[in-house]
Protein backbone atom coordinates (compact mmCIF):
# COMPACT_ATOMS: atom_id res chain seq x y z
CA MET A 1 117.35 51.31 77.85
CA LEU A 2 114.18 53.06 78.87
CA GLY A 3 113.71 56.29 76.97
CA LEU A 4 111.68 59.02 78.56
CA PHE A 5 109.65 61.37 76.40
CA SER A 6 110.39 65.09 76.51
CA LYS A 7 108.28 67.82 74.92
CA LYS A 8 111.36 69.86 74.19
CA SER A 9 113.75 67.25 72.89
CA GLY A 10 111.47 64.39 71.88
CA LEU A 11 112.25 60.79 72.70
CA HIS A 12 115.67 59.96 73.99
CA ALA A 13 117.25 57.37 76.25
CA VAL A 14 117.99 58.82 79.65
CA THR A 15 118.00 56.03 82.21
CA GLU A 16 117.99 52.30 82.74
CA GLU A 17 115.04 51.17 84.79
CA ALA A 18 112.18 48.73 84.58
CA LEU A 19 108.64 49.86 83.85
CA GLU A 20 106.87 50.69 87.07
CA PHE A 21 104.14 52.90 88.53
CA ASN A 22 105.58 56.04 90.10
CA PHE A 23 102.32 57.29 91.53
CA GLU A 24 102.55 60.28 93.85
CA LEU A 25 99.98 59.42 96.50
CA PRO A 26 99.06 60.98 99.86
CA VAL A 27 101.01 59.60 102.80
CA TYR A 28 99.26 57.42 105.38
CA ARG A 29 98.27 59.31 108.50
CA GLN A 30 96.23 56.77 110.42
CA PRO A 31 95.73 53.01 110.77
CA GLU A 32 92.74 51.07 109.50
CA ASN A 33 90.92 51.04 112.85
CA LYS A 34 90.73 54.85 112.84
CA LEU A 35 88.56 54.93 109.71
CA PRO A 36 84.92 55.63 110.70
CA ASP A 37 82.21 53.08 110.02
CA VAL A 38 81.03 53.53 106.43
CA THR A 39 77.43 52.37 107.00
CA PRO A 40 76.18 55.84 108.05
CA LEU A 41 77.93 57.29 105.01
CA TRP A 42 75.94 55.13 102.60
CA SER A 43 72.70 56.22 104.29
CA GLN A 44 73.74 59.86 104.06
CA LEU A 45 74.60 59.53 100.37
CA ASP A 46 71.28 57.80 99.70
CA ALA A 47 69.51 60.80 101.22
CA LEU A 48 71.52 63.18 99.00
CA ALA A 49 70.68 61.45 95.70
CA ALA A 50 68.65 64.48 94.59
CA GLU A 51 71.47 66.88 95.47
CA PRO A 52 74.43 65.71 93.34
CA VAL A 53 76.80 68.57 94.18
CA HIS A 54 76.17 68.23 97.93
CA LEU A 55 76.68 64.47 97.55
CA LEU A 56 80.07 65.01 95.90
CA VAL A 57 81.16 67.43 98.62
CA GLU A 58 80.32 64.93 101.37
CA LEU A 59 81.95 62.12 99.40
CA ASN A 60 85.11 64.19 99.03
CA HIS A 61 85.40 64.61 102.80
CA PHE A 62 85.33 60.84 103.23
CA LEU A 63 87.64 60.05 100.29
CA HIS A 64 90.19 62.55 101.55
CA GLU A 65 90.36 60.63 104.83
CA LEU A 66 90.23 57.24 103.09
CA ASN A 67 93.28 58.02 100.97
CA ARG A 68 95.29 58.85 104.07
CA THR A 69 94.27 55.72 105.96
CA TYR A 70 96.13 52.43 105.72
CA LEU A 71 93.74 49.70 104.51
CA GLN A 72 94.01 46.19 103.17
CA SER A 73 93.52 46.23 99.39
CA ASP A 74 90.37 44.13 99.36
CA ARG A 75 88.56 46.43 101.79
CA ARG A 76 89.83 49.54 100.02
CA TYR A 77 88.57 48.21 96.71
CA ASP A 78 85.10 47.43 98.07
CA ILE A 79 84.74 50.87 99.65
CA THR A 80 86.13 52.75 96.63
CA ALA A 81 83.92 50.84 94.18
CA ARG A 82 80.88 51.66 96.31
CA CYS A 83 81.86 55.34 96.39
CA LEU A 84 82.16 55.32 92.61
CA GLU A 85 78.62 53.94 92.30
CA TYR A 86 77.33 56.96 94.21
CA ALA A 87 79.58 59.44 92.41
CA ALA A 88 78.92 58.36 88.81
CA PRO A 89 75.34 59.77 88.53
CA ALA A 90 76.54 63.00 90.11
CA PHE A 91 79.37 63.29 87.58
CA ARG A 92 76.90 62.81 84.74
CA TYR A 93 74.58 65.48 86.15
CA VAL A 94 77.36 68.03 86.61
CA TYR A 95 78.84 67.45 83.16
CA PHE A 96 75.60 67.76 81.21
CA GLU A 97 74.33 70.63 83.33
CA HIS A 98 77.37 72.80 82.60
CA GLN A 99 78.60 71.80 79.14
CA LYS A 100 77.00 74.81 77.45
CA GLY A 101 77.17 78.55 77.86
CA LYS A 102 79.88 81.18 77.66
CA ALA A 103 83.37 80.75 79.02
CA LEU A 104 83.40 83.81 81.28
CA PRO A 105 82.04 84.99 83.62
CA GLU A 106 81.70 81.66 85.37
CA ILE A 107 78.67 81.48 87.65
CA SER A 108 79.36 80.33 91.21
CA SER A 109 77.11 77.23 90.93
CA LYS A 110 79.09 76.00 87.92
CA ARG A 111 82.43 76.64 89.61
CA GLU A 112 81.42 74.86 92.83
CA ALA A 113 79.94 71.88 90.97
CA LEU A 114 82.94 71.35 88.69
CA ILE A 115 85.49 71.80 91.47
CA ALA A 116 83.61 69.22 93.58
CA ALA A 117 83.43 66.80 90.63
CA VAL A 118 87.11 67.15 89.67
CA THR A 119 88.18 66.76 93.30
CA CYS A 120 86.12 63.58 93.62
CA VAL A 121 87.50 62.14 90.40
CA LYS A 122 91.07 62.69 91.60
CA GLU A 123 90.38 61.21 95.03
CA LEU A 124 88.80 58.12 93.49
CA ALA A 125 91.74 57.76 91.11
CA ASN A 126 94.18 57.96 94.03
CA SER A 127 92.38 55.18 95.88
CA PHE A 128 92.46 52.91 92.81
CA LYS A 129 96.14 53.79 92.26
CA ARG A 130 96.89 52.77 95.82
CA ILE A 131 95.52 49.28 95.12
CA ILE A 132 97.54 49.00 91.90
CA LYS A 133 100.72 50.09 93.65
CA ASN A 134 100.23 47.63 96.51
CA GLU A 135 99.19 44.60 94.46
CA TYR A 136 100.98 44.84 91.11
CA LYS A 137 104.71 45.04 90.43
CA PRO A 138 105.29 45.41 86.66
CA GLY A 139 109.08 45.65 86.92
CA GLY A 140 111.19 43.07 85.14
CA LYS A 141 111.97 41.99 81.60
CA LYS A 142 108.57 40.42 81.02
CA ILE A 143 105.50 42.17 82.31
CA LYS A 144 102.83 39.81 83.57
CA SER A 145 99.13 40.31 82.99
CA PRO A 146 97.39 41.91 85.99
CA ASN A 147 94.79 39.94 87.91
CA ARG A 148 91.13 40.79 87.53
CA ARG A 149 90.93 43.29 90.39
CA VAL A 150 94.11 45.13 89.43
CA ARG A 151 92.97 45.32 85.81
CA GLN A 152 89.65 46.79 86.93
CA CYS A 153 91.56 49.37 88.96
CA MET A 154 93.73 50.24 85.95
CA LEU A 155 90.68 50.72 83.75
CA ALA A 156 89.03 52.77 86.49
CA VAL A 157 92.06 55.09 86.64
CA LEU A 158 91.87 55.62 82.87
CA GLU A 159 88.18 56.44 83.24
CA MET A 160 89.01 58.91 86.00
CA VAL A 161 91.59 60.63 83.79
CA TYR A 162 89.07 60.77 80.94
CA ALA A 163 86.44 62.28 83.26
CA GLU A 164 88.90 64.74 84.80
CA GLN A 165 89.99 65.94 81.36
CA ARG A 166 86.39 66.50 80.21
CA LEU A 167 85.28 68.17 83.42
CA LYS A 168 88.31 70.48 83.49
CA ALA A 169 87.72 71.44 79.87
CA LEU A 170 84.42 73.02 80.92
CA ARG A 171 86.47 75.44 83.06
CA TYR A 172 89.18 75.93 80.43
CA GLN A 173 91.69 73.94 82.43
CA LYS A 174 93.84 70.99 81.34
CA LEU A 175 95.34 67.87 82.85
CA ASN A 176 98.52 68.55 84.80
CA SER A 177 101.83 66.84 84.10
CA LEU A 178 101.36 64.21 86.83
CA ALA A 179 97.99 63.13 85.44
CA TRP A 180 99.49 62.81 81.96
CA ARG A 181 102.49 60.84 83.24
CA ASP A 182 100.36 58.39 85.23
CA CYS A 183 97.96 57.95 82.31
CA ASN A 184 100.77 57.33 79.81
CA ASN A 185 102.65 54.96 82.12
CA LEU A 186 99.53 52.98 82.90
CA PHE A 187 98.59 52.49 79.26
CA VAL A 188 102.11 51.53 78.14
CA ILE A 189 102.19 48.85 80.82
CA LEU A 190 98.70 47.65 79.89
CA GLN A 191 99.65 47.65 76.22
CA SER A 192 102.72 45.55 76.91
CA THR A 193 100.42 42.84 78.34
CA GLY A 194 98.42 42.74 75.08
CA ASP A 195 95.21 43.44 77.00
CA VAL A 196 94.18 46.89 75.78
CA ARG A 197 91.59 45.81 73.20
CA LYS A 198 89.56 43.62 75.52
CA ALA A 199 86.09 45.13 75.77
CA PHE A 200 84.67 46.22 79.10
CA LYS A 201 81.61 48.13 80.28
CA PRO A 202 82.66 51.60 81.41
CA THR A 203 81.10 53.33 84.37
CA GLY A 204 79.82 56.00 81.99
CA LEU A 205 80.92 58.91 84.12
CA ILE A 206 80.03 61.56 81.52
CA THR A 207 78.38 59.61 78.71
CA SER A 208 74.74 59.97 79.68
CA ARG A 209 72.66 62.44 81.69
CA SER A 210 71.04 59.64 83.67
CA SER A 211 72.14 56.16 84.67
CA PRO A 212 72.60 54.07 81.51
CA SER A 213 69.96 51.45 80.80
CA GLU A 214 70.95 47.84 80.17
CA SER A 215 70.71 48.31 76.39
CA MET A 216 72.74 51.53 76.56
CA ALA A 217 75.34 49.85 78.75
CA LYS A 218 75.89 47.20 76.07
CA ALA A 219 76.29 49.86 73.41
CA MET A 220 78.68 51.77 75.66
CA LYS A 221 81.25 48.98 75.72
CA THR A 222 84.75 50.23 75.05
CA ASN A 223 88.33 49.14 75.68
CA ALA A 224 91.44 50.65 77.22
CA GLU A 225 92.88 51.62 73.84
CA GLU A 226 89.80 53.60 72.78
CA LEU A 227 89.65 55.34 76.14
CA TYR A 228 93.33 56.24 75.99
CA ALA A 229 93.08 57.40 72.37
CA ALA A 230 90.21 59.72 73.29
CA ILE A 231 92.30 61.28 76.06
CA GLN A 232 95.31 61.68 73.76
CA LEU A 233 93.43 63.23 70.86
CA LEU A 234 91.50 65.78 72.91
CA GLY A 235 94.72 66.72 74.67
CA LEU A 236 96.41 67.31 71.33
CA ILE A 237 93.48 69.29 69.92
CA ASP A 238 93.53 71.46 73.09
CA PRO A 239 90.02 72.15 74.47
CA ASN A 240 91.19 75.60 75.63
CA THR A 241 90.92 76.73 72.00
CA LEU A 242 87.33 75.52 71.58
CA SER A 243 84.00 76.89 72.70
CA LEU A 244 82.07 74.67 75.09
CA GLN A 245 79.74 73.70 72.24
CA GLN A 246 82.70 72.82 70.01
CA ILE A 247 84.19 70.58 72.72
CA VAL A 248 80.99 68.50 72.69
CA ILE A 249 81.13 68.30 68.88
CA VAL A 250 84.78 67.19 68.94
CA GLU A 251 84.05 64.50 71.56
CA SER A 252 81.15 63.14 69.53
CA TYR A 253 83.18 63.16 66.33
CA LEU A 254 86.20 61.41 67.79
CA LYS A 255 84.06 58.58 69.14
CA GLN A 256 83.11 57.61 65.57
CA TYR A 257 86.75 56.89 64.69
CA LEU A 258 88.13 55.45 67.92
CA PRO A 259 87.48 51.79 66.91
CA GLU A 260 89.68 52.33 63.82
CA LEU A 261 92.65 53.81 65.68
CA HIS A 262 95.32 51.57 67.21
CA PHE A 263 98.59 52.07 69.06
CA HIS A 264 101.66 50.12 68.00
CA ALA A 265 105.23 49.97 69.19
CA LEU A 266 106.97 52.81 67.42
CA ASN A 267 109.00 51.72 64.39
CA GLU A 268 111.23 54.55 63.20
CA GLU A 269 111.65 53.03 59.75
CA LYS A 270 107.90 52.56 59.21
CA LEU A 271 106.61 55.69 60.90
CA PRO A 272 103.29 56.79 59.29
CA VAL A 273 103.15 60.22 57.68
CA ASN A 274 100.33 61.34 59.96
CA CYS A 275 100.72 59.90 63.43
CA ILE A 276 100.87 60.81 67.08
CA ILE A 277 103.65 59.61 69.39
CA THR A 278 103.62 59.01 73.11
CA SER A 279 105.74 57.07 75.57
CA TYR A 280 106.21 55.75 79.06
CA GLY A 281 107.32 58.65 81.24
CA HIS A 282 105.88 61.33 78.96
CA ASP A 283 104.18 64.01 81.06
CA GLY A 284 102.01 65.68 78.45
CA PRO A 285 99.73 65.08 75.46
CA PRO A 286 101.17 63.28 72.42
CA LEU A 287 103.43 64.89 69.86
CA LEU A 288 103.20 64.97 66.09
CA GLN A 289 106.75 65.73 65.07
CA GLU A 290 109.47 63.16 64.67
CA ALA A 291 112.28 63.00 67.20
CA ALA A 292 115.97 62.29 66.78
CA GLU A 293 115.91 59.20 69.02
CA TYR A 294 113.08 56.95 70.03
CA SER A 295 112.40 55.14 73.25
CA PRO A 296 111.90 51.37 73.19
CA HIS A 297 108.65 52.08 75.06
CA ALA A 298 107.33 54.69 72.63
CA LEU A 299 103.99 54.13 70.88
CA SER A 300 102.62 55.60 67.68
CA MET A 301 99.11 55.77 66.27
CA ASP A 302 98.29 56.42 62.62
CA ILE A 303 95.59 59.13 62.43
CA GLN A 304 95.29 59.36 58.65
CA SER A 305 91.79 57.82 58.61
CA LEU A 306 90.64 60.39 61.17
CA LEU A 307 92.11 63.27 59.16
CA SER A 308 90.53 61.97 55.95
CA GLY A 309 87.13 61.64 57.61
CA ILE A 310 87.25 65.14 59.05
CA LYS A 311 88.32 66.58 55.70
CA GLN A 312 85.47 64.84 53.86
CA ASP A 313 82.93 66.32 56.27
CA TYR A 314 84.63 69.70 56.41
CA GLN A 315 84.56 70.44 52.69
CA PRO A 316 80.80 70.17 52.00
CA LEU A 317 80.00 72.04 55.21
CA LEU A 318 82.41 74.80 54.24
CA ALA A 319 80.66 74.95 50.86
CA GLN A 320 77.54 76.12 52.66
CA VAL A 321 79.34 79.35 53.47
CA ASN A 322 78.96 82.08 50.89
CA GLY A 323 82.53 82.20 49.59
CA SER A 324 85.78 80.58 50.64
CA ALA A 325 87.02 80.44 54.21
CA LYS A 326 90.57 81.73 54.33
CA ASN A 327 92.20 80.39 57.45
CA PHE A 328 94.94 82.15 59.39
CA GLY A 329 97.83 79.72 59.39
CA PRO A 330 98.03 76.53 57.29
CA GLU A 331 94.76 75.99 55.42
CA PRO A 332 93.76 72.36 56.07
CA ALA A 333 91.52 71.74 53.10
CA GLY A 334 92.61 74.42 50.67
CA GLU A 335 90.57 77.43 49.63
CA ILE A 336 87.23 76.04 48.50
CA ALA A 337 85.03 77.93 46.07
CA ALA A 338 81.43 77.86 47.27
CA LYS A 339 78.24 78.46 45.36
CA ALA A 340 75.66 77.41 47.94
CA SER A 341 73.69 79.59 50.34
CA THR A 342 75.07 80.87 53.62
CA VAL A 343 75.27 78.83 56.80
CA ASN A 344 71.79 78.59 58.27
CA SER A 345 72.51 78.56 61.99
CA LEU A 346 75.10 79.14 64.67
CA GLU A 347 75.16 75.36 65.19
CA ASP A 348 76.48 74.97 61.62
CA VAL A 349 79.17 77.56 62.34
CA GLU A 350 80.16 75.81 65.58
CA ARG A 351 80.43 72.45 63.83
CA LEU A 352 82.49 73.90 60.99
CA LEU A 353 84.83 75.65 63.42
CA ALA A 354 85.23 72.44 65.44
CA LEU A 355 86.18 70.49 62.32
CA ARG A 356 88.61 73.20 61.25
CA ALA A 357 90.23 73.19 64.70
CA MET A 358 90.71 69.42 64.53
CA LEU A 359 92.30 69.61 61.09
CA LYS A 360 94.66 72.35 62.23
CA LYS A 361 95.69 70.77 65.54
CA LEU A 362 96.16 67.25 64.15
CA ARG A 363 98.72 68.57 61.69
CA GLU A 364 102.06 69.89 62.79
CA THR A 365 102.34 73.68 62.66
CA GLU A 366 105.15 75.96 63.69
CA ARG A 367 105.05 79.44 65.17
CA THR A 368 106.00 81.96 62.47
CA ASP A 369 106.37 85.01 64.69
CA THR A 370 108.46 85.70 67.77
CA ARG A 371 106.89 86.55 71.12
CA LYS A 372 108.00 89.74 72.83
CA TYR A 373 107.55 89.51 76.61
CA ALA A 374 106.35 92.59 78.46
CA GLU A 375 108.97 94.07 80.78
CA GLU A 376 106.70 96.57 82.51
CA ALA A 377 103.00 97.30 82.99
CA GLN A 378 101.18 98.74 79.98
CA ASP A 379 97.83 100.52 79.99
CA TRP A 380 95.97 98.57 77.35
CA TYR A 381 92.37 99.38 76.47
CA VAL A 382 90.26 96.33 75.64
CA TYR A 383 86.69 96.31 74.25
CA ASN A 384 85.01 92.91 74.41
CA GLY A 385 82.70 91.91 71.59
CA PHE A 386 81.57 93.32 68.28
CA THR A 387 79.05 95.78 69.74
CA ALA A 388 81.46 97.28 72.28
CA GLY A 389 84.15 97.53 69.61
CA PHE A 390 81.83 99.29 67.18
CA ARG A 391 80.77 101.80 69.83
CA MET A 392 84.39 102.46 70.70
CA LEU A 393 85.21 103.24 67.07
CA ASN A 394 82.28 105.62 66.84
CA GLY A 395 83.27 107.34 70.07
CA SER A 396 86.88 107.78 68.99
CA ARG A 397 85.79 110.13 66.20
CA GLY A 398 85.03 112.80 68.80
CA GLN A 399 81.69 113.92 70.20
CA THR A 400 80.38 117.46 70.42
CA ASP A 401 77.47 116.51 72.65
CA GLY A 402 78.37 116.74 76.34
CA VAL A 403 76.46 113.63 77.36
CA ASN A 404 78.03 111.52 74.59
CA ARG A 405 81.47 112.86 75.44
CA LEU A 406 81.03 111.90 79.08
CA GLN A 407 79.80 108.43 78.13
CA ASN A 408 82.77 107.98 75.83
CA GLN A 409 85.20 108.93 78.62
CA LEU A 410 83.51 106.42 80.93
CA ASN A 411 83.82 103.68 78.29
CA ILE A 412 87.53 104.48 77.91
CA SER A 413 88.05 104.13 81.66
CA LEU A 414 86.19 100.81 81.75
CA ALA A 415 88.21 99.50 78.81
CA GLN A 416 91.32 99.49 81.00
CA ARG A 417 89.69 96.92 83.27
CA SER A 418 88.57 93.36 82.65
CA ALA A 419 85.58 93.84 84.96
CA SER A 420 83.08 96.67 85.21
CA LEU A 421 83.24 96.40 89.01
CA ALA A 422 85.77 95.02 91.45
CA ASP A 423 85.04 92.52 94.20
CA SER A 424 84.10 94.11 97.51
CA GLY A 425 87.19 95.25 99.37
CA ALA A 426 89.54 94.43 96.50
CA ASP A 427 91.92 96.85 94.89
CA GLU A 428 90.40 98.02 91.60
CA ASN A 429 93.75 97.53 89.89
CA VAL A 430 93.48 93.75 90.17
CA THR A 431 90.90 93.75 87.39
CA GLN A 432 93.15 95.50 84.91
CA TRP A 433 94.56 93.74 81.86
CA GLU A 434 98.16 92.59 82.19
CA ILE A 435 100.15 92.06 79.01
CA VAL A 436 102.19 88.85 79.22
CA ASN A 437 103.67 88.90 75.73
CA GLU A 438 102.88 89.92 72.17
CA SER A 439 104.05 89.10 68.68
CA ALA A 440 103.31 90.10 65.13
CA GLY A 441 100.41 87.66 65.11
CA GLY A 442 98.76 88.29 68.46
CA VAL A 443 98.93 89.01 72.16
CA LEU A 444 98.58 87.14 75.46
CA LEU A 445 96.61 88.97 78.19
CA ARG A 446 96.15 88.04 81.83
CA THR A 447 93.68 89.33 84.40
CA LYS A 448 92.20 88.62 87.80
CA GLU A 449 89.03 86.56 87.60
CA THR A 450 86.13 88.08 89.53
CA GLN A 451 82.38 87.58 89.46
CA PHE A 452 82.12 90.84 87.52
CA ILE A 453 84.50 89.92 84.69
CA ASN A 454 83.30 90.92 81.23
CA ASN A 455 81.80 88.29 78.94
CA LEU A 456 84.49 86.36 77.09
CA PHE A 457 84.30 83.39 74.75
CA ILE A 458 86.26 81.64 72.01
CA GLY A 459 85.69 83.34 68.65
CA GLN A 460 84.80 86.72 70.18
CA LEU A 461 85.91 89.92 68.46
CA ILE A 462 88.17 92.17 70.56
CA VAL A 463 89.00 95.79 69.70
CA PHE A 464 92.03 97.10 71.57
CA ALA A 465 94.52 99.95 71.80
CA ARG A 466 97.97 99.80 73.37
CA SER A 467 97.70 103.27 74.94
CA LYS A 468 95.25 106.13 75.28
CA SER A 469 96.98 107.95 72.44
CA ASP A 470 96.29 104.93 70.20
CA LEU A 471 92.51 105.00 70.75
CA ASN A 472 92.12 106.87 67.45
CA GLN A 473 93.95 104.02 65.67
CA PRO A 474 92.88 100.80 67.44
CA SER A 475 93.49 97.23 66.32
CA CYS A 476 91.22 94.22 66.43
CA GLY A 477 91.63 90.51 66.96
CA TRP A 478 89.69 87.53 68.16
CA VAL A 479 89.90 85.16 71.12
CA VAL A 480 91.69 81.95 70.14
CA ARG A 481 92.38 80.49 73.59
CA ILE A 482 91.18 80.89 77.16
CA ARG A 483 93.11 79.35 80.03
CA ARG A 484 92.18 79.47 83.68
CA ALA A 485 95.55 79.77 85.39
CA HIS A 486 96.48 79.55 89.06
CA ASP A 487 95.55 82.07 91.76
CA ASN A 488 92.17 83.01 90.25
CA GLN A 489 93.70 84.31 87.05
CA VAL A 490 92.60 83.81 83.47
CA GLU A 491 94.73 84.16 80.35
CA LEU A 492 93.35 85.29 77.02
CA SER A 493 95.16 84.68 73.72
CA LEU A 494 94.21 87.01 70.87
CA LYS A 495 94.94 86.50 67.18
CA LEU A 496 95.54 89.79 65.39
CA LEU A 497 92.98 90.46 62.64
CA ALA A 498 93.71 94.06 61.60
CA SER A 499 95.75 97.04 62.77
CA HIS A 500 93.74 99.81 61.11
CA ILE A 501 89.94 99.74 61.38
CA GLU A 502 86.99 102.12 61.15
CA SER A 503 83.30 101.91 62.00
CA VAL A 504 80.78 102.12 59.15
CA VAL A 505 77.03 101.74 58.64
CA VAL A 506 75.94 99.13 56.09
CA GLN A 507 72.67 99.31 54.20
CA THR A 508 71.10 96.75 51.88
CA GLU A 509 68.48 97.91 49.39
CA ILE A 510 65.65 97.08 51.79
CA LEU A 511 67.30 98.78 54.75
CA LYS A 512 68.05 101.85 52.68
CA LYS A 513 64.39 102.24 51.73
CA ASN A 514 63.46 102.08 55.41
CA THR A 515 66.28 104.43 56.45
CA MET A 516 67.87 101.71 58.58
CA GLY A 517 71.36 100.31 58.73
CA MET A 518 73.61 97.67 60.28
CA PRO A 519 76.87 98.27 62.17
CA GLY A 520 80.03 97.22 60.38
CA ILE A 521 83.78 97.55 60.76
CA MET A 522 85.94 98.37 57.74
CA ILE A 523 89.45 96.92 57.69
CA LEU A 524 91.78 99.43 56.09
CA ASP A 525 95.11 97.60 56.17
CA ALA A 526 94.20 94.75 53.83
CA GLY A 527 96.41 95.87 50.97
CA GLU A 528 94.50 96.43 47.73
CA ASP A 529 91.41 94.70 49.09
CA LEU A 530 88.50 96.32 50.87
CA GLN A 531 87.30 94.11 53.71
CA LEU A 532 84.14 94.42 55.79
CA LEU A 533 83.63 92.80 59.16
CA MET A 534 80.03 92.11 60.22
CA HIS A 535 78.35 90.44 63.18
CA GLN A 536 77.27 86.81 62.56
CA SER A 537 73.61 87.82 62.91
CA HIS A 538 74.03 90.31 60.04
CA ARG A 539 75.37 88.04 57.31
CA LEU A 540 75.35 89.34 53.75
CA MET A 541 74.74 87.48 50.50
CA GLN A 542 77.59 87.16 48.04
CA GLY A 543 77.01 89.29 44.95
CA SER A 544 74.55 91.64 46.66
CA SER A 545 74.94 95.41 46.50
CA VAL A 546 75.36 97.36 49.73
CA SER A 547 75.67 101.03 50.57
CA ILE A 548 78.39 101.86 53.09
CA GLN A 549 78.20 105.08 55.08
CA ARG A 550 81.74 106.07 55.95
CA GLY A 551 83.06 109.44 57.11
CA GLY A 552 79.84 111.23 56.17
CA LYS A 553 79.92 109.86 52.61
CA SER A 554 78.13 106.95 50.95
CA TYR A 555 79.86 104.30 48.85
CA THR A 556 78.34 101.44 46.88
CA SER A 557 80.10 98.07 46.95
CA ILE A 558 79.45 94.49 45.90
CA VAL A 559 79.75 91.81 48.59
CA GLY A 560 82.41 89.29 47.62
CA GLU A 561 83.35 85.96 49.18
CA ILE A 562 83.78 85.29 52.86
CA LEU A 563 87.47 85.51 53.77
CA PHE A 564 87.19 84.36 57.35
CA PHE A 565 84.59 83.76 60.02
CA GLN A 566 84.34 83.01 63.68
CA ARG A 567 81.58 82.46 66.17
CA GLU A 568 80.78 86.19 66.52
CA PHE A 569 81.78 87.73 63.20
CA VAL A 570 82.18 87.27 59.44
CA LEU A 571 84.81 88.94 57.25
CA TYR A 572 83.84 89.75 53.63
CA ARG A 573 85.80 90.95 50.64
CA LEU A 574 84.26 93.99 48.94
CA THR A 575 84.54 94.80 45.24
């Protein structure tokens, strides 16, 4: 019995069929003699070597026609392999050119480059899949090893999936269900031939900014298992919850452990405590939880060594933070007392957050609150970033000055929209925030993506109110996930941080002598604790004395440990 893998119900036997490739490929529309001569194409691509995005666009036009033309497999392979040679340097350029920066707004050059690259990757994959489908029939009780050309096509498809996943992550998109299914099916069939650990030299689609040298190419050698494991692990970790910088850190970190990680036929009686499970027919990333029934074609991979390695690196780095980092949700490494100095740079913060995300996502967690879906439109007011949130809190106290009052009213109007301006000719309402659902722990927002959308990034502080009457009692949260959905829409997941906040001015001894201060946000619903939220650039030293100007009065407090931190802010306990 062949068991298909379901996200909802796990692994269970559903049908009797042999392993096979169920690729969904474009239909043929013309015979081989209708395909134009490729010689002029090579000359054109040679001339476009210095314009990688233009090269990819022209290559896509040809590949689109190629994949709809009937060809003998040998000719298709030669043409597709040649196209890949031209495309690979362009993929590397696009990936390294756009792997940094903020999530939104997305500049047009980045969008055009990544769309061209992803399109080309998928077209190349389809051409290689066509060869596999025509030349290799894995059905039957015993799966035979593929010949050299088919194996190269299988490895090429895995590389294409790997490249598509990484390129899409830069736009906060993920592999679709068909890509996951084809990837999982291909590897299970390869694994059944016992050929997944044979080393090969990858094309290096996104591993180097320039074409790899001979020495680099030798060092780049990998195998199908490592490539597949990298795809599975990043899919499980979910790049939509990472900043672009953190994605690069996660990729680099995973590569260190890939040689140690191996897939085995799943044995229910000997299932490791920490493992991921996948299967033939599964149309998504791997799962962590155990299932009631297991497919004969299910695979498991023990990830304990990866978790242990991350934890060992996470603890000393966390100790550089002044205090203990209290995570929201299951704390992966426990609350660690720290005595060292504060983190020295944003790079340290990004690395620590990337490690924490890996620890959290590679361990099974369950939702503890129930989502409440919005039944009608709600006029939410959203202030992006620490500075905008602080200004909003100041403005909500009421202004007697006419100019300040007018500015405050303008800020309130803008807070209803996700963009300061609307696209030319577009209805201004399309840039408003739409509430998809909310729960005790957070909220999911959706909006139209325009070139004027406000800056958004993972780890950003968001101050919001559910209605105009609530502007005097706003809440705050932070961006935990960004997803670029269909029809030019983006979704923003917020984790609730506090429901009752107030703006304050913070002064250290030096600032007080110079009559200067730093903006801060006091969290008032923290029980018996006093908590102070500061921008990352205004970190405070544990044990230092600060003066807090609040409501026209001054209070002296001692800075305690760090309770939580993100890319934009730090949360301190005050005593």
